[in-house]
Amino acid sequence: QRAYRQKGAVYHLNTERPYQCTVCGQAFSQKMNLARHMQRHTGEKPYQCQLCPMRFNQKCNLERHVRCHTGERPFHCTFCAKSFNSKSNLSRHEACHLVRASPKMAALANFSI
């Protein structure tokens, strides 16, 4: 796990961006990120929901969408009994608890989201 974090830090700190979009000129440090970016220009959405006609450009977005159909809510608030289908919705909700507790803490929570 430590090696994985170190590898992530190498990508994060890398300022070299040799992969450039031929459409808009945006540059990327990893070929995979350029490929994902190109889907914006092509409109390619290879991941289709099996329960409705929705399509997505990333597998993680399809997985989050499927939770709308299944009702799965794996992200639980540490302050109350509410649960959410995405981590971002949970973070936004937990910030509400922090606003009530302390405006300064809420500002810090919004900064890290």
C-alpha atoms as a PDB file:
ATOM      1  CA  GLN A   1       0.000   0.000   0.000  1.00  0.00           C
ATOM      2  CA  ARG A   2       2.883   2.341   0.764  1.00  0.00           C
ATOM      3  CA  ALA A   3       4.444   1.648  -2.636  1.00  0.00           C
ATOM      4  CA  TYR A   4       1.117   2.446  -4.283  1.00  0.00           C
ATOM      5  CA  ARG A   5       0.947   5.805  -2.464  1.00  0.00           C
ATOM      6  CA  GLN A   6       4.512   6.603  -3.509  1.00  0.00           C
ATOM      7  CA  LYS A   7       3.711   5.761  -7.139  1.00  0.00           C
ATOM      8  CA  GLY A   8       0.657   8.033  -6.947  1.00  0.00           C
ATOM      9  CA  ALA A   9       2.822  10.830  -5.582  1.00  0.00           C
ATOM     10  CA  VAL A  10       5.178  10.440  -8.543  1.00  0.00           C
ATOM     11  CA  TYR A  11       2.273  10.926 -10.962  1.00  0.00           C
ATOM     12  CA  HIS A  12       0.872  13.786  -8.905  1.00  0.00           C
ATOM     13  CA  LEU A  13       4.165  15.655  -8.706  1.00  0.00           C
ATOM     14  CA  ASN A  14       5.122  15.000 -12.329  1.00  0.00           C
ATOM     15  CA  THR A  15       4.957  18.266 -14.277  1.00  0.00           C
ATOM     16  CA  GLU A  16       5.918  16.691 -17.612  1.00  0.00           C
ATOM     17  CA  ARG A  17       2.872  16.336 -19.889  1.00  0.00           C
ATOM     18  CA  PRO A  18       3.939  14.638 -23.115  1.00  0.00           C
ATOM     19  CA  TYR A  19       0.455  13.495 -24.217  1.00  0.00           C
ATOM     20  CA  GLN A  20      -1.415  16.302 -25.956  1.00  0.00           C
ATOM     21  CA  CYS A  21      -4.979  16.376 -27.274  1.00  0.00           C
ATOM     22  CA  THR A  22      -5.010  17.016 -31.025  1.00  0.00           C
ATOM     23  CA  VAL A  23      -8.431  18.685 -30.800  1.00  0.00           C
ATOM     24  CA  CYS A  24      -8.058  21.241 -28.002  1.00  0.00           C
ATOM     25  CA  GLY A  25      -4.376  21.109 -27.061  1.00  0.00           C
ATOM     26  CA  GLN A  26      -4.825  20.089 -23.421  1.00  0.00           C
ATOM     27  CA  ALA A  27      -1.818  18.058 -22.229  1.00  0.00           C
ATOM     28  CA  PHE A  28      -1.625  15.067 -19.892  1.00  0.00           C
ATOM     29  CA  SER A  29       1.092  13.242 -17.983  1.00  0.00           C
ATOM     30  CA  GLN A  30      -0.455   9.810 -18.637  1.00  0.00           C
ATOM     31  CA  LYS A  31      -1.652   8.279 -21.902  1.00  0.00           C
ATOM     32  CA  MET A  32      -4.706   6.826 -20.128  1.00  0.00           C
ATOM     33  CA  ASN A  33      -5.868  10.304 -19.081  1.00  0.00           C
ATOM     34  CA  LEU A  34      -5.577  11.532 -22.670  1.00  0.00           C
ATOM     35  CA  ALA A  35      -7.656   8.570 -23.870  1.00  0.00           C
ATOM     36  CA  ARG A  36     -10.357   9.339 -21.284  1.00  0.00           C
ATOM     37  CA  HIS A  37     -10.268  13.025 -22.264  1.00  0.00           C
ATOM     38  CA  MET A  38     -10.714  12.159 -25.957  1.00  0.00           C
ATOM     39  CA  GLN A  39     -14.076  10.589 -25.086  1.00  0.00           C
ATOM     40  CA  ARG A  40     -15.322  14.130 -24.426  1.00  0.00           C
ATOM     41  CA  HIS A  41     -14.630  15.086 -28.023  1.00  0.00           C
ATOM     42  CA  THR A  42     -15.876  11.844 -29.603  1.00  0.00           C
ATOM     43  CA  GLY A  43     -18.895  11.410 -27.335  1.00  0.00           C
ATOM     44  CA  GLU A  44     -17.903   7.768 -26.813  1.00  0.00           C
ATOM     45  CA  LYS A  45     -19.752   6.141 -23.909  1.00  0.00           C
ATOM     46  CA  PRO A  46     -18.853   2.441 -23.890  1.00  0.00           C
ATOM     47  CA  TYR A  47     -20.524   1.526 -20.571  1.00  0.00           C
ATOM     48  CA  GLN A  48     -24.289   0.972 -20.804  1.00  0.00           C
ATOM     49  CA  CYS A  49     -26.718   0.396 -17.960  1.00  0.00           C
ATOM     50  CA  GLN A  50     -28.462  -2.985 -18.274  1.00  0.00           C
ATOM     51  CA  LEU A  51     -31.590  -1.565 -16.620  1.00  0.00           C
ATOM     52  CA  CYS A  52     -32.162   1.603 -18.673  1.00  0.00           C
ATOM     53  CA  PRO A  53     -30.785   3.337 -21.792  1.00  0.00           C
ATOM     54  CA  MET A  54     -28.204   5.447 -19.941  1.00  0.00           C
ATOM     55  CA  ARG A  55     -24.588   5.209 -21.134  1.00  0.00           C
ATOM     56  CA  PHE A  56     -21.368   6.381 -19.461  1.00  0.00           C
ATOM     57  CA  ASN A  57     -17.792   7.104 -20.455  1.00  0.00           C
ATOM     58  CA  GLN A  58     -16.336   5.603 -17.261  1.00  0.00           C
ATOM     59  CA  LYS A  59     -17.118   2.339 -15.491  1.00  0.00           C
ATOM     60  CA  CYS A  60     -17.195   4.031 -12.072  1.00  0.00           C
ATOM     61  CA  ASN A  61     -19.961   6.377 -13.274  1.00  0.00           C
ATOM     62  CA  LEU A  62     -22.024   3.393 -14.453  1.00  0.00           C
ATOM     63  CA  GLU A  63     -21.515   1.656 -11.102  1.00  0.00           C
ATOM     64  CA  ARG A  64     -22.700   4.765  -9.236  1.00  0.00           C
ATOM     65  CA  HIS A  65     -25.729   5.053 -11.550  1.00  0.00           C
ATOM     66  CA  VAL A  66     -26.766   1.414 -11.025  1.00  0.00           C
ATOM     67  CA  ARG A  67     -27.202   2.222  -7.332  1.00  0.00           C
ATOM     68  CA  CYS A  68     -30.183   4.382  -8.350  1.00  0.00           C
ATOM     69  CA  HIS A  69     -31.892   1.210  -9.569  1.00  0.00           C
ATOM     70  CA  THR A  70     -30.799  -1.099  -6.745  1.00  0.00           C
ATOM     71  CA  GLY A  71     -31.254   1.368  -3.891  1.00  0.00           C
ATOM     72  CA  GLU A  72     -27.777   0.532  -2.587  1.00  0.00           C
ATOM     73  CA  ARG A  73     -26.423   3.280  -0.317  1.00  0.00           C
ATOM     74  CA  PRO A  74     -22.982   2.140   0.887  1.00  0.00           C
ATOM     75  CA  PHE A  75     -21.778   5.498   2.248  1.00  0.00           C
ATOM     76  CA  HIS A  76     -22.976   6.144   5.811  1.00  0.00           C
ATOM     77  CA  CYS A  77     -22.917   9.417   7.740  1.00  0.00           C
ATOM     78  CA  THR A  78     -20.782   9.306  10.872  1.00  0.00           C
ATOM     79  CA  PHE A  79     -23.073  11.833  12.585  1.00  0.00           C
ATOM     80  CA  CYS A  80     -26.552  10.438  11.887  1.00  0.00           C
ATOM     81  CA  ALA A  81     -28.318   7.420  10.387  1.00  0.00           C
ATOM     82  CA  LYS A  82     -28.463   8.693   6.794  1.00  0.00           C
ATOM     83  CA  SER A  83     -26.725   6.858   3.962  1.00  0.00           C
ATOM     84  CA  PHE A  84     -25.880   7.838   0.395  1.00  0.00           C
ATOM     85  CA  ASN A  85     -25.187   6.279  -2.991  1.00  0.00           C
ATOM     86  CA  SER A  86     -21.981   8.282  -3.589  1.00  0.00           C
ATOM     87  CA  LYS A  87     -19.081   9.503  -1.495  1.00  0.00           C
ATOM     88  CA  SER A  88     -19.499  13.049  -2.812  1.00  0.00           C
ATOM     89  CA  ASN A  89     -23.130  13.170  -1.629  1.00  0.00           C
ATOM     90  CA  LEU A  90     -22.028  11.901   1.787  1.00  0.00           C
ATOM     91  CA  SER A  91     -19.293  14.556   2.018  1.00  0.00           C
ATOM     92  CA  ARG A  92     -21.754  17.323   1.137  1.00  0.00           C
ATOM     93  CA  HIS A  93     -24.198  16.034   3.765  1.00  0.00           C
ATOM     94  CA  GLU A  94     -21.567  15.709   6.504  1.00  0.00           C
ATOM     95  CA  ALA A  95     -20.546  19.321   5.863  1.00  0.00           C
ATOM     96  CA  CYS A  96     -24.081  20.299   6.980  1.00  0.00           C
ATOM     97  CA  HIS A  97     -23.385  18.746  10.376  1.00  0.00           C
ATOM     98  CA  LEU A  98     -20.134  20.693  10.612  1.00  0.00           C
ATOM     99  CA  VAL A  99     -21.864  23.983   9.734  1.00  0.00           C
ATOM    100  CA  ARG A 100     -24.128  23.535  12.724  1.00  0.00           C
ATOM    101  CA  ALA A 101     -21.181  22.624  14.957  1.00  0.00           C
ATOM    102  CA  SER A 102     -18.722  25.257  13.806  1.00  0.00           C
ATOM    103  CA  PRO A 103     -18.600  27.523  10.741  1.00  0.00           C
ATOM    104  CA  LYS A 104     -14.798  27.301  10.776  1.00  0.00           C
ATOM    105  CA  MET A 105     -14.894  23.482  10.658  1.00  0.00           C
ATOM    106  CA  ALA A 106     -17.415  23.621   7.799  1.00  0.00           C
ATOM    107  CA  ALA A 107     -15.084  25.831   5.796  1.00  0.00           C
ATOM    108  CA  LEU A 108     -12.324  23.263   6.275  1.00  0.00           C
ATOM    109  CA  ALA A 109     -14.656  20.446   5.208  1.00  0.00           C
ATOM    110  CA  ASN A 110     -15.636  22.295   2.031  1.00  0.00           C
ATOM    111  CA  PHE A 111     -11.977  22.922   1.263  1.00  0.00           C
ATOM    112  CA  SER A 112     -11.182  19.190   1.303  1.00  0.00           C
ATOM    113  CA  ILE A 113     -14.171  18.064  -0.785  1.00  0.00           C
END
